[in-house]
N, C-alpha and C. Protein backbone atom coordinates (compact mmCIF):
# COMPACT_ATOMS: atom_id res chain seq x y z
N MET A 1 20.93 -2.15 -5.02
CA MET A 1 19.72 -2.54 -5.70
C MET A 1 18.52 -1.81 -5.13
N GLY A 2 17.53 -1.59 -5.97
CA GLY A 2 16.33 -0.90 -5.55
C GLY A 2 15.38 -1.80 -4.79
N ARG A 3 14.42 -1.16 -4.13
CA ARG A 3 13.40 -1.91 -3.41
C ARG A 3 12.18 -1.04 -3.19
N LEU A 4 11.06 -1.70 -2.92
CA LEU A 4 9.81 -1.02 -2.63
C LEU A 4 9.35 -1.41 -1.24
N THR A 5 9.08 -0.41 -0.39
CA THR A 5 8.58 -0.64 0.95
C THR A 5 7.37 0.24 1.20
N THR A 6 6.64 -0.07 2.25
CA THR A 6 5.48 0.73 2.63
C THR A 6 5.27 0.64 4.13
N HIS A 7 4.49 1.53 4.65
CA HIS A 7 3.96 1.40 6.00
C HIS A 7 2.67 2.20 6.07
N VAL A 8 1.86 1.88 7.08
CA VAL A 8 0.56 2.52 7.22
C VAL A 8 0.42 3.03 8.65
N LEU A 9 0.04 4.29 8.77
CA LEU A 9 -0.21 4.91 10.07
C LEU A 9 -1.68 5.25 10.18
N ASP A 10 -2.29 4.88 11.28
CA ASP A 10 -3.69 5.19 11.57
C ASP A 10 -3.70 6.55 12.26
N THR A 11 -4.00 7.60 11.53
CA THR A 11 -3.93 8.95 12.09
C THR A 11 -5.08 9.25 13.05
N ALA A 12 -6.18 8.50 12.93
CA ALA A 12 -7.30 8.70 13.86
C ALA A 12 -6.95 8.16 15.24
N LEU A 13 -6.20 7.07 15.29
CA LEU A 13 -5.80 6.48 16.56
C LEU A 13 -4.41 6.92 17.01
N GLY A 14 -3.67 7.54 16.10
CA GLY A 14 -2.32 8.00 16.43
C GLY A 14 -1.34 6.86 16.65
N LYS A 15 -1.45 5.80 15.83
CA LYS A 15 -0.55 4.67 15.98
C LYS A 15 -0.41 3.92 14.66
N PRO A 16 0.56 3.02 14.57
CA PRO A 16 0.69 2.22 13.35
C PRO A 16 -0.56 1.38 13.11
N ALA A 17 -0.86 1.14 11.85
CA ALA A 17 -2.02 0.34 11.46
C ALA A 17 -1.58 -1.12 11.34
N ALA A 18 -1.64 -1.85 12.44
CA ALA A 18 -1.25 -3.26 12.45
C ALA A 18 -2.37 -4.12 11.92
N GLY A 19 -2.02 -5.13 11.11
CA GLY A 19 -2.99 -6.07 10.61
C GLY A 19 -3.74 -5.63 9.36
N LEU A 20 -3.23 -4.63 8.66
CA LEU A 20 -3.87 -4.16 7.44
C LEU A 20 -3.34 -4.95 6.25
N ALA A 21 -4.23 -5.61 5.52
CA ALA A 21 -3.84 -6.39 4.34
C ALA A 21 -3.65 -5.46 3.15
N LEU A 22 -2.68 -5.78 2.31
CA LEU A 22 -2.42 -5.00 1.10
C LEU A 22 -1.87 -5.91 0.02
N SER A 23 -1.96 -5.43 -1.20
CA SER A 23 -1.42 -6.19 -2.32
C SER A 23 -0.73 -5.24 -3.29
N LEU A 24 0.24 -5.78 -4.02
CA LEU A 24 0.98 -5.03 -5.02
C LEU A 24 0.66 -5.59 -6.39
N TRP A 25 0.32 -4.71 -7.31
CA TRP A 25 -0.05 -5.08 -8.67
C TRP A 25 0.87 -4.38 -9.66
N LYS A 26 1.18 -5.04 -10.78
CA LYS A 26 2.03 -4.46 -11.82
C LYS A 26 1.24 -4.38 -13.12
N ALA A 27 1.37 -3.23 -13.78
CA ALA A 27 0.70 -3.02 -15.06
C ALA A 27 1.42 -3.77 -16.17
N GLY A 28 0.64 -4.23 -17.11
CA GLY A 28 1.20 -4.92 -18.26
C GLY A 28 0.16 -4.95 -19.36
N GLY A 29 0.41 -5.74 -20.36
CA GLY A 29 -0.53 -5.87 -21.47
C GLY A 29 -0.55 -4.64 -22.35
N ALA A 30 -1.38 -4.69 -23.36
CA ALA A 30 -1.51 -3.58 -24.30
C ALA A 30 -2.06 -2.36 -23.58
N GLY A 31 -1.35 -1.26 -23.68
CA GLY A 31 -1.79 -0.02 -23.05
C GLY A 31 -1.49 0.09 -21.57
N GLY A 32 -0.99 -0.98 -20.97
CA GLY A 32 -0.61 -0.93 -19.56
C GLY A 32 -1.77 -0.86 -18.59
N GLU A 33 -2.97 -1.22 -19.02
CA GLU A 33 -4.13 -1.15 -18.14
C GLU A 33 -4.53 -2.49 -17.54
N GLU A 34 -3.80 -3.54 -17.88
CA GLU A 34 -4.06 -4.84 -17.28
C GLU A 34 -3.07 -5.03 -16.13
N PHE A 35 -3.60 -5.28 -14.93
CA PHE A 35 -2.74 -5.42 -13.76
C PHE A 35 -2.73 -6.85 -13.27
N SER A 36 -1.57 -7.30 -12.81
CA SER A 36 -1.41 -8.63 -12.23
C SER A 36 -0.90 -8.47 -10.81
N CYS A 37 -1.48 -9.25 -9.90
CA CYS A 37 -1.03 -9.22 -8.51
C CYS A 37 0.31 -9.94 -8.40
N ILE A 38 1.30 -9.26 -7.83
CA ILE A 38 2.63 -9.86 -7.71
C ILE A 38 3.08 -10.04 -6.26
N ALA A 39 2.33 -9.48 -5.31
CA ALA A 39 2.70 -9.66 -3.89
C ALA A 39 1.51 -9.33 -3.01
N ARG A 40 1.46 -10.00 -1.87
CA ARG A 40 0.46 -9.73 -0.83
C ARG A 40 1.18 -9.69 0.50
N ALA A 41 0.67 -8.86 1.40
CA ALA A 41 1.29 -8.75 2.73
C ALA A 41 0.27 -8.22 3.72
N VAL A 42 0.61 -8.31 4.99
CA VAL A 42 -0.17 -7.75 6.08
C VAL A 42 0.80 -6.97 6.95
N THR A 43 0.39 -5.78 7.36
CA THR A 43 1.28 -4.96 8.18
C THR A 43 1.48 -5.56 9.56
N ASN A 44 2.68 -5.37 10.10
CA ASN A 44 3.02 -5.88 11.43
C ASN A 44 2.65 -4.85 12.50
N SER A 45 3.09 -5.06 13.72
CA SER A 45 2.72 -4.19 14.83
C SER A 45 3.25 -2.77 14.67
N ASP A 46 4.23 -2.59 13.80
CA ASP A 46 4.77 -1.26 13.52
C ASP A 46 4.13 -0.64 12.29
N GLY A 47 3.12 -1.29 11.72
CA GLY A 47 2.45 -0.78 10.53
C GLY A 47 3.24 -0.98 9.25
N ARG A 48 4.28 -1.79 9.32
CA ARG A 48 5.14 -2.05 8.16
C ARG A 48 4.98 -3.50 7.73
N VAL A 49 5.45 -3.81 6.53
CA VAL A 49 5.52 -5.20 6.11
C VAL A 49 6.91 -5.70 6.48
N ASP A 50 7.04 -7.00 6.72
CA ASP A 50 8.28 -7.55 7.26
C ASP A 50 9.45 -7.56 6.27
N ALA A 51 9.16 -7.49 4.99
CA ALA A 51 10.21 -7.51 3.97
C ALA A 51 9.79 -6.57 2.84
N PRO A 52 10.74 -6.13 2.01
CA PRO A 52 10.34 -5.31 0.87
C PRO A 52 9.28 -6.02 0.02
N LEU A 53 8.35 -5.26 -0.51
CA LEU A 53 7.33 -5.82 -1.38
C LEU A 53 7.93 -6.22 -2.72
N LEU A 54 9.00 -5.56 -3.08
CA LEU A 54 9.65 -5.81 -4.37
C LEU A 54 11.12 -5.46 -4.20
N ASP A 55 12.00 -6.35 -4.64
CA ASP A 55 13.43 -6.07 -4.62
C ASP A 55 14.15 -7.04 -5.54
N GLY A 56 15.46 -6.95 -5.58
CA GLY A 56 16.26 -7.85 -6.40
C GLY A 56 15.93 -7.74 -7.88
N ASP A 57 16.00 -8.86 -8.57
CA ASP A 57 15.75 -8.89 -10.01
C ASP A 57 14.31 -8.56 -10.37
N ALA A 58 13.39 -8.72 -9.42
CA ALA A 58 11.98 -8.42 -9.67
C ALA A 58 11.69 -6.92 -9.65
N PHE A 59 12.62 -6.14 -9.09
CA PHE A 59 12.42 -4.69 -8.99
C PHE A 59 12.81 -4.04 -10.31
N VAL A 60 11.82 -3.78 -11.14
CA VAL A 60 12.06 -3.21 -12.47
C VAL A 60 11.18 -1.97 -12.65
N THR A 61 11.55 -1.15 -13.60
CA THR A 61 10.76 0.04 -13.88
C THR A 61 9.38 -0.36 -14.39
N GLY A 62 8.43 0.54 -14.19
CA GLY A 62 7.08 0.27 -14.66
C GLY A 62 6.04 0.96 -13.81
N ILE A 63 4.80 0.67 -14.11
CA ILE A 63 3.66 1.22 -13.38
C ILE A 63 3.15 0.14 -12.42
N TYR A 64 2.95 0.54 -11.18
CA TYR A 64 2.51 -0.36 -10.12
C TYR A 64 1.31 0.24 -9.40
N GLU A 65 0.63 -0.62 -8.65
CA GLU A 65 -0.48 -0.15 -7.83
C GLU A 65 -0.47 -0.92 -6.51
N LEU A 66 -0.44 -0.18 -5.42
CA LEU A 66 -0.64 -0.75 -4.10
C LEU A 66 -2.12 -0.64 -3.77
N ARG A 67 -2.71 -1.72 -3.31
CA ARG A 67 -4.12 -1.72 -2.91
C ARG A 67 -4.20 -2.04 -1.42
N PHE A 68 -4.60 -1.04 -0.66
CA PHE A 68 -4.69 -1.17 0.79
C PHE A 68 -6.13 -1.53 1.18
N GLU A 69 -6.31 -2.58 1.96
CA GLU A 69 -7.64 -3.05 2.39
C GLU A 69 -8.07 -2.24 3.62
N ALA A 70 -8.30 -0.97 3.42
CA ALA A 70 -8.59 -0.05 4.52
C ALA A 70 -9.91 -0.32 5.21
N GLY A 71 -10.95 -0.65 4.46
CA GLY A 71 -12.26 -0.87 5.04
C GLY A 71 -12.26 -1.99 6.07
N ALA A 72 -11.66 -3.11 5.73
CA ALA A 72 -11.59 -4.24 6.66
C ALA A 72 -10.77 -3.88 7.89
N TYR A 73 -9.65 -3.19 7.67
CA TYR A 73 -8.82 -2.77 8.81
C TYR A 73 -9.60 -1.83 9.74
N LEU A 74 -10.24 -0.81 9.16
CA LEU A 74 -10.97 0.17 9.97
C LEU A 74 -12.11 -0.48 10.75
N ALA A 75 -12.82 -1.41 10.12
CA ALA A 75 -13.90 -2.11 10.82
C ALA A 75 -13.34 -2.91 11.99
N ALA A 76 -12.23 -3.60 11.77
CA ALA A 76 -11.62 -4.41 12.83
C ALA A 76 -11.07 -3.55 13.97
N SER A 77 -10.70 -2.30 13.65
CA SER A 77 -10.13 -1.40 14.67
C SER A 77 -11.20 -0.79 15.56
N GLY A 78 -12.47 -0.99 15.19
CA GLY A 78 -13.57 -0.44 15.98
C GLY A 78 -13.97 0.96 15.58
N ALA A 79 -13.46 1.45 14.46
CA ALA A 79 -13.83 2.79 14.00
C ALA A 79 -15.32 2.84 13.68
N ALA A 80 -15.94 3.97 13.97
CA ALA A 80 -17.35 4.18 13.62
C ALA A 80 -17.42 4.43 12.12
N LEU A 81 -18.01 3.50 11.39
CA LEU A 81 -18.06 3.58 9.93
C LEU A 81 -19.49 3.62 9.43
N SER A 82 -19.67 4.25 8.28
CA SER A 82 -20.97 4.21 7.60
C SER A 82 -21.10 2.84 6.94
N ASP A 83 -22.30 2.54 6.44
CA ASP A 83 -22.52 1.29 5.74
C ASP A 83 -23.08 1.59 4.36
N PRO A 84 -22.32 1.44 3.30
CA PRO A 84 -20.96 0.93 3.27
C PRO A 84 -19.97 1.99 3.77
N PRO A 85 -18.77 1.55 4.14
CA PRO A 85 -17.78 2.52 4.63
C PRO A 85 -17.36 3.48 3.52
N PHE A 86 -17.01 4.70 3.92
CA PHE A 86 -16.56 5.69 2.95
C PHE A 86 -15.31 5.20 2.22
N LEU A 87 -14.35 4.65 2.94
CA LEU A 87 -13.13 4.10 2.34
C LEU A 87 -13.16 2.58 2.45
N ASP A 88 -12.86 1.92 1.35
CA ASP A 88 -12.77 0.47 1.38
C ASP A 88 -11.37 0.08 0.90
N VAL A 89 -11.23 -0.26 -0.36
CA VAL A 89 -9.91 -0.54 -0.91
C VAL A 89 -9.34 0.76 -1.46
N ILE A 90 -8.14 1.10 -1.03
CA ILE A 90 -7.49 2.33 -1.50
C ILE A 90 -6.41 1.94 -2.50
N PRO A 91 -6.59 2.29 -3.79
CA PRO A 91 -5.57 2.00 -4.79
C PRO A 91 -4.64 3.20 -4.97
N LEU A 92 -3.35 2.94 -4.89
CA LEU A 92 -2.35 3.99 -5.14
C LEU A 92 -1.51 3.57 -6.33
N ARG A 93 -1.69 4.25 -7.44
CA ARG A 93 -0.95 3.94 -8.66
C ARG A 93 0.26 4.86 -8.74
N PHE A 94 1.41 4.29 -9.03
CA PHE A 94 2.65 5.06 -9.06
C PHE A 94 3.62 4.41 -10.04
N GLY A 95 4.63 5.17 -10.43
CA GLY A 95 5.63 4.67 -11.36
C GLY A 95 6.98 4.51 -10.70
N ILE A 96 7.69 3.47 -11.08
CA ILE A 96 9.08 3.27 -10.68
C ILE A 96 9.93 3.54 -11.91
N ALA A 97 10.72 4.60 -11.84
CA ALA A 97 11.53 5.02 -12.98
C ALA A 97 13.01 4.64 -12.82
N ASP A 98 13.44 4.37 -11.59
CA ASP A 98 14.85 4.09 -11.31
C ASP A 98 14.94 2.76 -10.56
N ALA A 99 15.38 1.72 -11.26
CA ALA A 99 15.44 0.39 -10.66
C ALA A 99 16.53 0.25 -9.62
N ALA A 100 17.32 1.28 -9.40
CA ALA A 100 18.37 1.23 -8.37
C ALA A 100 17.98 2.01 -7.11
N ALA A 101 16.81 2.63 -7.11
CA ALA A 101 16.41 3.51 -6.00
C ALA A 101 15.51 2.78 -5.00
N HIS A 102 15.40 3.37 -3.82
CA HIS A 102 14.46 2.89 -2.80
C HIS A 102 13.19 3.71 -2.95
N TYR A 103 12.09 3.04 -3.20
CA TYR A 103 10.78 3.68 -3.26
C TYR A 103 10.02 3.27 -2.01
N HIS A 104 9.65 4.26 -1.21
CA HIS A 104 8.88 4.02 0.00
C HIS A 104 7.56 4.75 -0.16
N VAL A 105 6.44 4.01 -0.09
CA VAL A 105 5.12 4.57 -0.34
C VAL A 105 4.26 4.36 0.91
N PRO A 106 4.28 5.32 1.83
CA PRO A 106 3.48 5.20 3.04
C PRO A 106 2.04 5.67 2.83
N LEU A 107 1.17 5.21 3.73
CA LEU A 107 -0.23 5.62 3.72
C LEU A 107 -0.58 6.14 5.10
N LEU A 108 -1.13 7.35 5.15
CA LEU A 108 -1.67 7.93 6.38
C LEU A 108 -3.17 7.80 6.28
N LEU A 109 -3.79 7.11 7.23
CA LEU A 109 -5.18 6.67 7.08
C LEU A 109 -6.04 7.10 8.26
N SER A 110 -7.27 7.50 7.94
CA SER A 110 -8.33 7.70 8.94
C SER A 110 -9.62 7.20 8.28
N PRO A 111 -10.72 7.07 9.02
CA PRO A 111 -11.94 6.54 8.41
C PRO A 111 -12.49 7.35 7.23
N PHE A 112 -12.13 8.63 7.13
CA PHE A 112 -12.72 9.46 6.08
C PHE A 112 -11.70 10.18 5.21
N SER A 113 -10.42 9.82 5.36
CA SER A 113 -9.41 10.44 4.50
C SER A 113 -8.13 9.62 4.51
N TYR A 114 -7.29 9.89 3.52
CA TYR A 114 -5.96 9.29 3.48
C TYR A 114 -5.05 10.21 2.70
N SER A 115 -3.75 10.04 2.91
CA SER A 115 -2.76 10.75 2.12
C SER A 115 -1.55 9.85 1.98
N THR A 116 -0.73 10.19 0.99
CA THR A 116 0.47 9.42 0.72
C THR A 116 1.54 10.36 0.19
N TYR A 117 2.73 9.87 0.10
CA TYR A 117 3.86 10.63 -0.44
C TYR A 117 4.96 9.65 -0.74
N ARG A 118 5.97 10.09 -1.46
CA ARG A 118 7.15 9.23 -1.65
C ARG A 118 8.10 9.50 -0.49
N GLY A 119 8.23 8.55 0.36
CA GLY A 119 9.09 8.67 1.54
C GLY A 119 10.50 8.22 1.25
N SER A 120 11.26 8.09 2.30
CA SER A 120 12.66 7.67 2.16
C SER A 120 12.94 6.45 3.00
């Protein structure tokens, strides 16, 4: 069965981003532009969530969005931030095309940039 996982690395500090809140949203409605929150989590000491964000019968094809609460995490980490911070909520929209696959969507984060990729 397929599943969705994530983790966050704080590249400015060179360590996992522990305590970062995130949420998973699924597109629906006419045109697929209405999103509903289907999961919330906070990263652990390894920068990962303790369980897959989506798996089992709930893991279906479609358009999803992970929203990472980067601004709150960066402020709590003591990073020097502008007011308002350059990065606040980071939305990553992606598609799941294979309900039997493992989709891993990591975030590499610093106060002024981020990157992502489909991991394994």
